[in-house]
């Protein structure tokens, strides 16, 4: 294995509550279950079915304000630094890469990931996987994808990419299991042990 690809929200940083509260300001009648269901497929496609409450609100600006108040936990950072010594590290996210880059610059970690593929690159993660493979001369056997949502697991599965689910993010274990990921973990540090055995 040569590279590890991470989703960002709910995996690298616990953004669930802020994300949910932001979406309740932007969209009508959004309970927690409806919000979680948005991540069972492609977020950007599924949210097109929602009724906008206030079109003057910039969803990404609100998400950015909340994210820039957050920090990466020491546990997560320690694992990422250990992995960085052996592997290429990437992020494939539905978030804007400009916002994620601003977050990592704030944390003085702009060189931690080789590249971030976000909303500006494409709305679909399977397309972003293909772009990453082409740009870095990798294939499905060279990577593992770490995510907290069923939708991500299913997008990776389209390309036969092995995924590890984390049940401490946006989706609980039972929902992640529907996508049949390679493994599901409950602590970030467990990722290290799994990858060492792959």
N, C-alpha and C. Protein backbone atom coordinates (compact mmCIF):
# COMPACT_ATOMS: atom_id res chain seq x y z
N UNK A 1 0.83 -1.19 0.00
CA UNK A 1 0.00 0.00 0.00
C UNK A 1 0.87 1.26 0.00
N UNK A 2 0.42 2.26 -0.76
CA UNK A 2 1.23 3.46 -0.91
C UNK A 2 0.58 4.72 -0.33
N UNK A 3 -0.75 4.71 -0.26
CA UNK A 3 -1.43 5.96 0.12
C UNK A 3 -2.67 5.70 0.96
N UNK A 4 -2.97 6.66 1.83
CA UNK A 4 -4.18 6.61 2.64
C UNK A 4 -4.99 7.86 2.32
N UNK A 5 -6.25 7.63 2.00
CA UNK A 5 -7.16 8.73 1.65
C UNK A 5 -8.15 8.89 2.79
N UNK A 6 -8.28 10.11 3.28
CA UNK A 6 -9.21 10.40 4.36
C UNK A 6 -10.36 11.29 3.89
N UNK A 7 -11.55 11.00 4.39
CA UNK A 7 -12.61 11.99 4.38
C UNK A 7 -12.23 12.98 5.49
N UNK A 8 -12.81 14.17 5.48
CA UNK A 8 -12.43 15.15 6.51
C UNK A 8 -13.45 15.24 7.64
N UNK A 9 -14.65 15.74 7.32
CA UNK A 9 -15.67 15.97 8.35
C UNK A 9 -16.04 14.68 9.06
N UNK A 10 -15.97 14.69 10.38
CA UNK A 10 -16.34 13.52 11.16
C UNK A 10 -15.22 12.50 11.30
N UNK A 11 -14.16 12.66 10.53
CA UNK A 11 -13.02 11.73 10.60
C UNK A 11 -11.80 12.44 11.20
N UNK A 12 -11.34 13.49 10.53
CA UNK A 12 -10.17 14.25 11.01
C UNK A 12 -10.58 15.18 12.15
N UNK A 13 -11.74 15.81 11.99
CA UNK A 13 -12.26 16.73 13.01
C UNK A 13 -13.74 16.42 13.23
N UNK A 14 -14.18 16.49 14.48
CA UNK A 14 -15.57 16.21 14.82
C UNK A 14 -16.44 17.43 14.49
N UNK A 15 -16.99 17.46 13.31
CA UNK A 15 -17.76 18.62 12.85
C UNK A 15 -19.26 18.35 12.78
N UNK A 16 -19.69 17.18 13.26
CA UNK A 16 -21.10 16.79 13.06
C UNK A 16 -22.09 17.83 13.59
N UNK A 17 -21.97 18.21 14.86
CA UNK A 17 -22.97 19.10 15.47
C UNK A 17 -23.03 20.44 14.75
N UNK A 18 -21.87 21.01 14.45
CA UNK A 18 -21.85 22.30 13.75
C UNK A 18 -22.45 22.16 12.35
N UNK A 19 -22.15 21.05 11.68
CA UNK A 19 -22.70 20.82 10.34
C UNK A 19 -24.22 20.74 10.40
N UNK A 20 -24.73 19.99 11.35
CA UNK A 20 -26.18 19.85 11.48
C UNK A 20 -26.84 21.20 11.79
N UNK A 21 -26.28 21.94 12.73
CA UNK A 21 -26.86 23.24 13.09
C UNK A 21 -26.82 24.21 11.92
N UNK A 22 -25.75 24.17 11.13
CA UNK A 22 -25.65 25.01 9.94
C UNK A 22 -26.75 24.66 8.94
N UNK A 23 -26.94 23.38 8.70
CA UNK A 23 -27.96 22.96 7.73
C UNK A 23 -29.37 23.29 8.20
N UNK A 24 -29.63 23.30 9.50
CA UNK A 24 -30.97 23.67 9.99
C UNK A 24 -31.24 25.16 9.75
N UNK A 25 -30.19 25.96 9.64
CA UNK A 25 -30.36 27.38 9.34
C UNK A 25 -30.63 27.62 7.85
N UNK A 26 -30.11 26.71 7.02
CA UNK A 26 -30.22 26.88 5.57
C UNK A 26 -31.45 26.19 4.99
N UNK A 27 -31.81 25.01 5.54
CA UNK A 27 -32.88 24.19 4.94
C UNK A 27 -34.06 23.99 5.88
N UNK A 28 -35.25 23.88 5.29
CA UNK A 28 -36.50 23.68 6.04
C UNK A 28 -36.62 22.26 6.59
N UNK A 29 -37.28 22.13 7.72
CA UNK A 29 -37.69 20.83 8.29
C UNK A 29 -36.59 19.77 8.30
N UNK A 30 -35.44 20.14 8.78
CA UNK A 30 -34.31 19.21 8.76
C UNK A 30 -34.07 18.64 10.16
N UNK A 31 -34.57 17.42 10.38
CA UNK A 31 -34.28 16.76 11.65
C UNK A 31 -32.97 15.98 11.50
N UNK A 32 -32.50 15.41 12.59
CA UNK A 32 -31.20 14.73 12.57
C UNK A 32 -31.17 13.54 11.62
N UNK A 33 -32.25 12.78 11.58
CA UNK A 33 -32.27 11.60 10.71
C UNK A 33 -32.23 12.01 9.24
N UNK A 34 -32.99 13.03 8.87
CA UNK A 34 -32.96 13.52 7.48
C UNK A 34 -31.57 14.01 7.13
N UNK A 35 -30.94 14.70 8.06
CA UNK A 35 -29.57 15.19 7.85
C UNK A 35 -28.61 14.03 7.62
N UNK A 36 -28.71 13.00 8.45
CA UNK A 36 -27.83 11.83 8.30
C UNK A 36 -28.08 11.11 6.97
N UNK A 37 -29.33 11.09 6.54
CA UNK A 37 -29.65 10.41 5.27
C UNK A 37 -29.01 11.09 4.07
N UNK A 38 -28.71 12.38 4.19
CA UNK A 38 -28.03 13.09 3.10
C UNK A 38 -26.67 12.48 2.79
N UNK A 39 -26.09 11.81 3.79
CA UNK A 39 -24.75 11.24 3.66
C UNK A 39 -24.78 9.74 3.35
N UNK A 40 -25.96 9.24 3.00
CA UNK A 40 -26.07 7.83 2.58
C UNK A 40 -25.82 7.71 1.08
N UNK A 41 -25.76 8.84 0.41
CA UNK A 41 -25.45 8.90 -1.02
C UNK A 41 -24.53 10.09 -1.23
N UNK A 42 -24.66 10.73 -2.38
CA UNK A 42 -23.86 11.93 -2.67
C UNK A 42 -24.56 13.14 -2.05
N UNK A 43 -23.90 13.76 -1.07
CA UNK A 43 -24.47 14.89 -0.34
C UNK A 43 -24.99 15.98 -1.26
N UNK A 44 -24.17 16.40 -2.23
CA UNK A 44 -24.53 17.54 -3.07
C UNK A 44 -25.73 17.24 -3.96
N UNK A 45 -25.88 15.98 -4.35
CA UNK A 45 -27.04 15.59 -5.16
C UNK A 45 -28.29 15.51 -4.30
N UNK A 46 -28.17 14.89 -3.13
CA UNK A 46 -29.34 14.67 -2.27
C UNK A 46 -29.87 15.98 -1.66
N UNK A 47 -28.99 16.92 -1.39
CA UNK A 47 -29.50 18.15 -0.78
C UNK A 47 -30.25 19.04 -1.78
N UNK A 48 -30.17 18.70 -3.07
CA UNK A 48 -30.96 19.42 -4.07
C UNK A 48 -32.46 19.22 -3.84
N UNK A 49 -32.82 18.14 -3.12
CA UNK A 49 -34.23 17.85 -2.84
C UNK A 49 -34.76 18.62 -1.63
N UNK A 50 -33.88 19.29 -0.89
CA UNK A 50 -34.30 20.02 0.29
C UNK A 50 -34.86 21.39 -0.08
N UNK A 51 -35.74 21.90 0.77
CA UNK A 51 -36.31 23.24 0.58
C UNK A 51 -35.42 24.24 1.31
N UNK A 52 -34.95 25.24 0.57
CA UNK A 52 -34.07 26.25 1.15
C UNK A 52 -34.91 27.21 2.00
N UNK A 53 -34.46 27.41 3.23
CA UNK A 53 -35.15 28.30 4.19
C UNK A 53 -34.79 29.76 3.93
N UNK A 54 -33.49 29.99 3.76
CA UNK A 54 -33.01 31.36 3.59
C UNK A 54 -31.87 31.37 2.57
N UNK A 55 -32.18 31.81 1.36
CA UNK A 55 -31.20 31.76 0.26
C UNK A 55 -30.09 32.79 0.43
N UNK A 56 -30.25 33.71 1.39
CA UNK A 56 -29.20 34.71 1.60
C UNK A 56 -28.05 34.15 2.45
N UNK A 57 -28.28 33.00 3.07
CA UNK A 57 -27.24 32.40 3.91
C UNK A 57 -26.26 31.62 3.04
N UNK A 58 -24.97 31.90 3.20
CA UNK A 58 -23.93 31.16 2.49
C UNK A 58 -23.53 29.97 3.37
N UNK A 59 -24.00 28.80 2.95
CA UNK A 59 -23.76 27.56 3.70
C UNK A 59 -22.28 27.33 3.98
N UNK A 60 -21.44 27.48 2.96
CA UNK A 60 -20.01 27.23 3.12
C UNK A 60 -19.35 28.25 4.05
N UNK A 61 -19.83 29.50 4.03
CA UNK A 61 -19.27 30.52 4.92
C UNK A 61 -19.55 30.18 6.38
N UNK A 62 -20.77 29.71 6.64
CA UNK A 62 -21.12 29.29 8.01
C UNK A 62 -20.28 28.10 8.45
N UNK A 63 -20.11 27.14 7.54
CA UNK A 63 -19.30 25.96 7.86
C UNK A 63 -17.85 26.36 8.12
N UNK A 64 -17.36 27.31 7.34
CA UNK A 64 -15.98 27.78 7.50
C UNK A 64 -15.77 28.43 8.87
N UNK A 65 -16.71 29.29 9.28
CA UNK A 65 -16.59 29.97 10.58
C UNK A 65 -16.49 28.95 11.71
N UNK A 66 -17.34 27.94 11.64
CA UNK A 66 -17.33 26.91 12.68
C UNK A 66 -16.06 26.09 12.66
N UNK A 67 -15.62 25.73 11.46
CA UNK A 67 -14.43 24.88 11.35
C UNK A 67 -13.18 25.59 11.84
N UNK A 68 -13.06 26.87 11.54
CA UNK A 68 -11.85 27.60 11.93
C UNK A 68 -11.74 27.82 13.44
N UNK A 69 -12.82 27.48 14.16
CA UNK A 69 -12.77 27.53 15.63
C UNK A 69 -12.32 26.18 16.21
N UNK A 70 -12.24 25.16 15.36
CA UNK A 70 -11.91 23.81 15.81
C UNK A 70 -10.40 23.57 15.76
N UNK A 71 -9.99 22.47 16.39
CA UNK A 71 -8.59 22.04 16.36
C UNK A 71 -8.55 20.54 16.10
N UNK A 72 -7.43 20.07 15.57
CA UNK A 72 -7.23 18.62 15.45
C UNK A 72 -6.77 18.11 16.81
N UNK A 73 -7.37 17.03 17.27
CA UNK A 73 -6.96 16.49 18.57
C UNK A 73 -5.54 15.93 18.48
N UNK A 74 -4.86 15.89 19.61
CA UNK A 74 -3.49 15.38 19.66
C UNK A 74 -3.43 13.91 19.22
N UNK A 75 -4.44 13.14 19.61
CA UNK A 75 -4.48 11.72 19.23
C UNK A 75 -4.53 11.54 17.72
N UNK A 76 -5.40 12.31 17.08
CA UNK A 76 -5.53 12.23 15.61
C UNK A 76 -4.23 12.68 14.96
N UNK A 77 -3.69 13.78 15.44
CA UNK A 77 -2.45 14.33 14.86
C UNK A 77 -1.29 13.35 14.99
N UNK A 78 -1.16 12.70 16.13
CA UNK A 78 -0.08 11.73 16.33
C UNK A 78 -0.17 10.58 15.34
N UNK A 79 -1.39 10.08 15.13
CA UNK A 79 -1.58 8.98 14.17
C UNK A 79 -1.24 9.44 12.76
N UNK A 80 -1.71 10.62 12.38
CA UNK A 80 -1.45 11.14 11.03
C UNK A 80 0.05 11.32 10.80
N UNK A 81 0.77 11.81 11.79
CA UNK A 81 2.21 12.02 11.64
C UNK A 81 2.96 10.69 11.49
N UNK A 82 2.51 9.67 12.20
CA UNK A 82 3.12 8.34 12.06
C UNK A 82 2.85 7.78 10.66
N UNK A 83 1.64 7.93 10.19
CA UNK A 83 1.29 7.43 8.85
C UNK A 83 2.04 8.18 7.76
N UNK A 84 2.23 9.47 7.97
CA UNK A 84 2.91 10.32 6.98
C UNK A 84 4.34 9.84 6.72
N UNK A 85 4.96 9.21 7.71
CA UNK A 85 6.33 8.73 7.54
C UNK A 85 6.43 7.59 6.53
N UNK A 86 5.31 6.86 6.32
CA UNK A 86 5.33 5.69 5.44
C UNK A 86 4.49 5.84 4.17
N UNK A 87 3.48 6.72 4.21
CA UNK A 87 2.51 6.76 3.12
C UNK A 87 2.25 8.19 2.63
N UNK A 88 1.76 8.27 1.39
CA UNK A 88 1.16 9.52 0.92
C UNK A 88 -0.16 9.67 1.66
N UNK A 89 -0.51 10.89 2.06
CA UNK A 89 -1.79 11.14 2.70
C UNK A 89 -2.60 12.13 1.86
N UNK A 90 -3.86 11.80 1.64
CA UNK A 90 -4.75 12.65 0.85
C UNK A 90 -6.06 12.85 1.59
N UNK A 91 -6.78 13.91 1.20
CA UNK A 91 -8.15 14.10 1.65
C UNK A 91 -9.03 14.18 0.41
N UNK A 92 -10.13 13.43 0.45
CA UNK A 92 -11.20 13.57 -0.54
C UNK A 92 -12.45 13.91 0.26
N UNK A 93 -12.98 15.11 0.03
CA UNK A 93 -14.06 15.63 0.87
C UNK A 93 -15.13 16.32 0.03
N UNK A 94 -16.33 16.43 0.61
CA UNK A 94 -17.41 17.22 0.00
C UNK A 94 -17.26 18.70 0.35
N UNK A 95 -16.38 18.98 1.29
CA UNK A 95 -16.13 20.35 1.74
C UNK A 95 -15.32 21.09 0.67
N UNK A 96 -15.27 22.40 0.78
CA UNK A 96 -14.43 23.18 -0.15
C UNK A 96 -12.97 23.01 0.24
N UNK A 97 -12.13 22.73 -0.74
CA UNK A 97 -10.71 22.57 -0.44
C UNK A 97 -10.09 23.89 0.05
N UNK A 98 -10.63 25.03 -0.43
CA UNK A 98 -10.11 26.33 0.02
C UNK A 98 -10.32 26.49 1.53
N UNK A 99 -11.44 26.00 2.04
CA UNK A 99 -11.73 26.08 3.48
C UNK A 99 -10.84 25.11 4.25
N UNK A 100 -10.68 23.90 3.73
CA UNK A 100 -9.83 22.92 4.40
C UNK A 100 -8.37 23.38 4.41
N UNK A 101 -7.92 23.95 3.31
CA UNK A 101 -6.55 24.49 3.27
C UNK A 101 -6.37 25.60 4.30
N UNK A 102 -7.39 26.44 4.46
CA UNK A 102 -7.32 27.52 5.46
C UNK A 102 -7.24 26.93 6.87
N UNK A 103 -7.99 25.85 7.10
CA UNK A 103 -7.97 25.20 8.40
C UNK A 103 -6.58 24.63 8.71
N UNK A 104 -6.00 23.93 7.74
CA UNK A 104 -4.68 23.32 7.97
C UNK A 104 -3.58 24.38 8.10
N UNK A 105 -3.73 25.48 7.40
CA UNK A 105 -2.76 26.58 7.56
C UNK A 105 -2.85 27.15 8.97
N UNK A 106 -4.07 27.32 9.47
CA UNK A 106 -4.28 27.81 10.84
C UNK A 106 -3.62 26.88 11.86
N UNK A 107 -3.67 25.59 11.58
CA UNK A 107 -3.10 24.59 12.48
C UNK A 107 -1.60 24.36 12.24
N UNK A 108 -1.03 25.12 11.29
CA UNK A 108 0.38 24.94 10.88
C UNK A 108 0.65 23.52 10.39
N UNK A 109 -0.31 22.99 9.63
CA UNK A 109 -0.20 21.62 9.13
C UNK A 109 -0.43 21.56 7.62
N UNK A 110 -0.07 22.62 6.92
CA UNK A 110 -0.37 22.67 5.49
C UNK A 110 0.39 21.63 4.67
N UNK A 111 1.44 21.03 5.25
CA UNK A 111 2.20 20.01 4.49
C UNK A 111 1.87 18.59 4.93
N UNK A 112 0.88 18.44 5.80
CA UNK A 112 0.54 17.11 6.32
C UNK A 112 -0.05 16.21 5.22
N UNK A 113 -0.89 16.80 4.37
CA UNK A 113 -1.52 16.03 3.29
C UNK A 113 -0.90 16.41 1.95
N UNK A 114 -0.68 15.41 1.12
CA UNK A 114 -0.09 15.66 -0.19
C UNK A 114 -1.00 16.50 -1.08
N UNK A 115 -2.32 16.25 -0.97
CA UNK A 115 -3.27 17.05 -1.72
C UNK A 115 -4.67 16.87 -1.13
N UNK A 116 -5.47 17.93 -1.25
CA UNK A 116 -6.87 17.89 -0.84
C UNK A 116 -7.73 18.03 -2.08
N UNK A 117 -8.65 17.08 -2.26
CA UNK A 117 -9.61 17.12 -3.36
C UNK A 117 -10.98 17.41 -2.75
N UNK A 118 -11.50 18.60 -3.00
CA UNK A 118 -12.76 18.99 -2.40
C UNK A 118 -13.83 19.36 -3.42
N UNK A 119 -14.77 20.17 -2.96
CA UNK A 119 -15.94 20.57 -3.75
C UNK A 119 -15.54 21.24 -5.06
N UNK A 120 -14.47 22.06 -5.02
CA UNK A 120 -14.07 22.79 -6.23
C UNK A 120 -13.59 21.83 -7.33
N UNK A 121 -13.03 20.69 -6.93
CA UNK A 121 -12.53 19.73 -7.91
C UNK A 121 -13.69 19.01 -8.59
N UNK A 122 -14.64 18.49 -7.79
CA UNK A 122 -15.82 17.82 -8.33
C UNK A 122 -16.79 17.53 -7.21
N UNK A 123 -18.07 17.38 -7.54
CA UNK A 123 -19.09 17.07 -6.53
C UNK A 123 -19.08 15.59 -6.16
N UNK A 124 -18.58 14.75 -7.07
CA UNK A 124 -18.62 13.30 -6.83
C UNK A 124 -17.26 12.78 -6.39
N UNK A 125 -17.28 11.94 -5.35
CA UNK A 125 -16.02 11.41 -4.83
C UNK A 125 -15.41 10.35 -5.73
N UNK A 126 -16.23 9.57 -6.43
CA UNK A 126 -15.65 8.57 -7.32
C UNK A 126 -14.83 9.24 -8.43
N UNK A 127 -15.28 10.39 -8.89
CA UNK A 127 -14.53 11.15 -9.90
C UNK A 127 -13.21 11.64 -9.29
N UNK A 128 -13.27 12.09 -8.04
CA UNK A 128 -12.05 12.58 -7.38
C UNK A 128 -11.04 11.45 -7.15
N UNK A 129 -11.53 10.25 -6.85
CA UNK A 129 -10.62 9.10 -6.73
C UNK A 129 -9.87 8.89 -8.04
N UNK A 130 -10.59 8.94 -9.15
CA UNK A 130 -9.97 8.73 -10.47
C UNK A 130 -8.93 9.80 -10.77
N UNK A 131 -9.25 11.03 -10.42
CA UNK A 131 -8.29 12.13 -10.64
C UNK A 131 -7.02 11.93 -9.81
N UNK A 132 -7.21 11.53 -8.57
CA UNK A 132 -6.06 11.27 -7.69
C UNK A 132 -5.19 10.15 -8.26
N UNK A 133 -5.84 9.06 -8.68
CA UNK A 133 -5.10 7.92 -9.24
C UNK A 133 -4.26 8.35 -10.44
N UNK A 134 -4.88 9.15 -11.30
CA UNK A 134 -4.18 9.59 -12.52
C UNK A 134 -3.01 10.52 -12.17
N UNK A 135 -3.26 11.45 -11.28
CA UNK A 135 -2.25 12.45 -10.94
C UNK A 135 -1.05 11.85 -10.21
N UNK A 136 -1.30 10.83 -9.38
CA UNK A 136 -0.22 10.25 -8.56
C UNK A 136 0.17 8.84 -8.99
N UNK A 137 -0.34 8.41 -10.14
CA UNK A 137 0.01 7.10 -10.70
C UNK A 137 -0.25 5.97 -9.69
N UNK A 138 -1.47 5.98 -9.13
CA UNK A 138 -1.88 4.98 -8.16
C UNK A 138 -3.08 4.20 -8.70
N UNK A 139 -3.38 3.07 -8.08
CA UNK A 139 -4.61 2.36 -8.41
C UNK A 139 -5.27 1.86 -7.14
N UNK A 140 -6.38 1.16 -7.28
CA UNK A 140 -7.19 0.74 -6.12
C UNK A 140 -6.41 -0.12 -5.13
N UNK A 141 -5.42 -0.85 -5.60
CA UNK A 141 -4.63 -1.72 -4.72
C UNK A 141 -3.59 -0.96 -3.91
N UNK A 142 -3.37 0.30 -4.28
CA UNK A 142 -2.35 1.12 -3.60
C UNK A 142 -2.92 1.92 -2.44
N UNK A 143 -4.25 1.94 -2.29
CA UNK A 143 -4.87 2.88 -1.34
C UNK A 143 -5.89 2.21 -0.41
N UNK A 144 -6.19 2.91 0.67
CA UNK A 144 -7.34 2.60 1.52
C UNK A 144 -8.02 3.94 1.81
N UNK A 145 -9.34 3.91 1.92
CA UNK A 145 -10.12 5.13 2.15
C UNK A 145 -10.76 5.06 3.54
N UNK A 146 -10.60 6.13 4.32
CA UNK A 146 -11.14 6.16 5.68
C UNK A 146 -12.23 7.22 5.76
N UNK A 147 -13.43 6.78 6.14
CA UNK A 147 -14.59 7.67 6.12
C UNK A 147 -15.56 7.35 7.24
N UNK A 148 -16.50 8.27 7.43
CA UNK A 148 -17.51 8.08 8.49
C UNK A 148 -18.93 7.97 7.93
N UNK A 149 -19.07 7.86 6.60
CA UNK A 149 -20.43 7.81 6.05
C UNK A 149 -20.64 6.65 5.07
N UNK A 150 -21.85 6.17 5.06
CA UNK A 150 -22.25 5.10 4.15
C UNK A 150 -22.09 5.53 2.69
N UNK A 151 -22.48 6.77 2.39
CA UNK A 151 -22.38 7.26 1.00
C UNK A 151 -20.96 7.20 0.47
N UNK A 152 -20.00 7.54 1.31
CA UNK A 152 -18.58 7.49 0.90
C UNK A 152 -18.13 6.06 0.65
N UNK A 153 -18.55 5.16 1.53
CA UNK A 153 -18.18 3.75 1.37
C UNK A 153 -18.71 3.23 0.03
N UNK A 154 -19.94 3.61 -0.31
CA UNK A 154 -20.55 3.16 -1.57
C UNK A 154 -19.85 3.78 -2.78
N UNK A 155 -19.43 5.05 -2.66
CA UNK A 155 -18.71 5.68 -3.79
C UNK A 155 -17.35 5.01 -3.99
N UNK A 156 -16.68 4.65 -2.91
CA UNK A 156 -15.40 3.95 -3.02
C UNK A 156 -15.60 2.56 -3.63
N UNK A 157 -16.70 1.94 -3.26
CA UNK A 157 -17.00 0.58 -3.74
C UNK A 157 -17.18 0.54 -5.26
N UNK A 158 -17.67 1.63 -5.84
CA UNK A 158 -17.83 1.72 -7.30
C UNK A 158 -16.51 1.44 -8.01
N UNK A 159 -15.40 1.81 -7.35
CA UNK A 159 -14.08 1.64 -7.94
C UNK A 159 -13.31 0.51 -7.26
N UNK A 160 -14.02 -0.28 -6.45
CA UNK A 160 -13.43 -1.42 -5.75
C UNK A 160 -12.29 -0.98 -4.82
N UNK A 161 -12.48 0.19 -4.19
CA UNK A 161 -11.50 0.70 -3.23
C UNK A 161 -11.88 0.23 -1.83
N UNK A 162 -10.91 -0.31 -1.12
CA UNK A 162 -11.12 -0.79 0.24
C UNK A 162 -11.33 0.40 1.18
N UNK A 163 -12.36 0.31 2.03
CA UNK A 163 -12.61 1.42 2.96
C UNK A 163 -12.65 0.94 4.41
N UNK A 164 -12.26 1.86 5.28
CA UNK A 164 -12.37 1.65 6.73
C UNK A 164 -13.37 2.69 7.24
N UNK A 165 -14.42 2.22 7.89
CA UNK A 165 -15.41 3.13 8.44
C UNK A 165 -15.06 3.50 9.88
N UNK A 166 -15.36 4.74 10.26
CA UNK A 166 -15.21 5.15 11.65
C UNK A 166 -16.60 5.49 12.17
N UNK A 167 -16.96 4.91 13.32
CA UNK A 167 -18.33 5.10 13.81
C UNK A 167 -18.47 6.23 14.82
N UNK A 168 -17.48 7.13 14.85
CA UNK A 168 -17.55 8.27 15.77
C UNK A 168 -17.83 9.57 15.03
N UNK A 169 -18.21 9.48 13.76
CA UNK A 169 -18.48 10.67 12.95
C UNK A 169 -19.96 10.86 12.69
N UNK A 170 -20.31 11.07 11.42
CA UNK A 170 -21.69 11.38 11.06
C UNK A 170 -22.60 10.15 11.11
N UNK A 171 -22.07 8.97 10.82
CA UNK A 171 -22.88 7.75 10.81
C UNK A 171 -22.45 6.76 11.87
N UNK A 172 -23.43 6.11 12.46
CA UNK A 172 -23.20 5.08 13.46
C UNK A 172 -22.84 3.76 12.77
N UNK A 173 -22.36 2.82 13.56
CA UNK A 173 -21.87 1.53 13.05
C UNK A 173 -22.90 0.79 12.19
N UNK A 174 -24.13 0.74 12.66
CA UNK A 174 -25.17 -0.02 11.94
C UNK A 174 -25.37 0.51 10.52
N UNK A 175 -25.32 1.82 10.38
CA UNK A 175 -25.51 2.41 9.05
C UNK A 175 -24.29 2.14 8.17
N UNK A 176 -23.10 2.24 8.74
CA UNK A 176 -21.87 1.97 7.99
C UNK A 176 -21.83 0.52 7.50
N UNK A 177 -22.31 -0.39 8.33
CA UNK A 177 -22.27 -1.82 7.98
C UNK A 177 -23.03 -2.15 6.71
N UNK A 178 -24.01 -1.32 6.35
CA UNK A 178 -24.79 -1.55 5.12
C UNK A 178 -23.91 -1.51 3.88
N UNK A 179 -22.79 -0.77 3.95
CA UNK A 179 -21.88 -0.66 2.81
C UNK A 179 -20.80 -1.72 2.78
N UNK A 180 -20.78 -2.58 3.82
CA UNK A 180 -19.78 -3.66 3.93
C UNK A 180 -18.34 -3.15 3.76
N UNK A 181 -17.92 -2.21 4.62
CA UNK A 181 -16.52 -1.76 4.54
C UNK A 181 -15.57 -2.87 4.99
N UNK A 182 -14.30 -2.70 4.70
CA UNK A 182 -13.27 -3.67 5.09
C UNK A 182 -13.24 -3.82 6.61
N UNK A 183 -13.27 -2.71 7.33
CA UNK A 183 -13.28 -2.69 8.79
C UNK A 183 -14.07 -1.48 9.27
N UNK A 184 -14.52 -1.54 10.52
CA UNK A 184 -15.11 -0.37 11.18
C UNK A 184 -14.39 -0.21 12.51
N UNK A 185 -13.97 1.02 12.81
CA UNK A 185 -13.28 1.28 14.08
C UNK A 185 -14.04 2.31 14.90
N UNK A 186 -13.80 2.29 16.22
CA UNK A 186 -14.45 3.22 17.13
C UNK A 186 -13.49 4.25 17.71
N UNK A 187 -12.19 4.06 17.45
CA UNK A 187 -11.17 5.02 17.90
C UNK A 187 -10.20 5.27 16.75
N UNK A 188 -9.78 6.53 16.60
CA UNK A 188 -8.91 6.89 15.49
C UNK A 188 -7.61 6.09 15.51
N UNK A 189 -7.07 5.85 16.71
CA UNK A 189 -5.77 5.15 16.79
C UNK A 189 -5.85 3.71 16.29
N UNK A 190 -7.06 3.13 16.25
CA UNK A 190 -7.22 1.76 15.73
C UNK A 190 -6.85 1.67 14.25
N UNK A 191 -6.98 2.80 13.55
CA UNK A 191 -6.66 2.85 12.12
C UNK A 191 -5.20 2.43 11.90
N UNK A 192 -4.34 2.89 12.81
CA UNK A 192 -2.89 2.60 12.70
C UNK A 192 -2.64 1.10 12.73
N UNK A 193 -3.27 0.40 13.66
CA UNK A 193 -3.07 -1.06 13.78
C UNK A 193 -3.57 -1.80 12.55
N UNK A 194 -4.69 -1.38 12.03
CA UNK A 194 -5.26 -2.04 10.84
C UNK A 194 -4.35 -1.86 9.64
N UNK A 195 -3.90 -0.61 9.44
CA UNK A 195 -3.06 -0.32 8.27
C UNK A 195 -1.71 -1.04 8.37
N UNK A 196 -1.18 -1.17 9.55
CA UNK A 196 0.09 -1.87 9.74
C UNK A 196 -0.02 -3.36 9.34
N UNK A 197 -1.22 -3.91 9.44
CA UNK A 197 -1.43 -5.32 9.11
C UNK A 197 -1.82 -5.54 7.64
N UNK A 198 -2.10 -4.45 6.92
CA UNK A 198 -2.54 -4.58 5.52
C UNK A 198 -1.36 -4.83 4.58
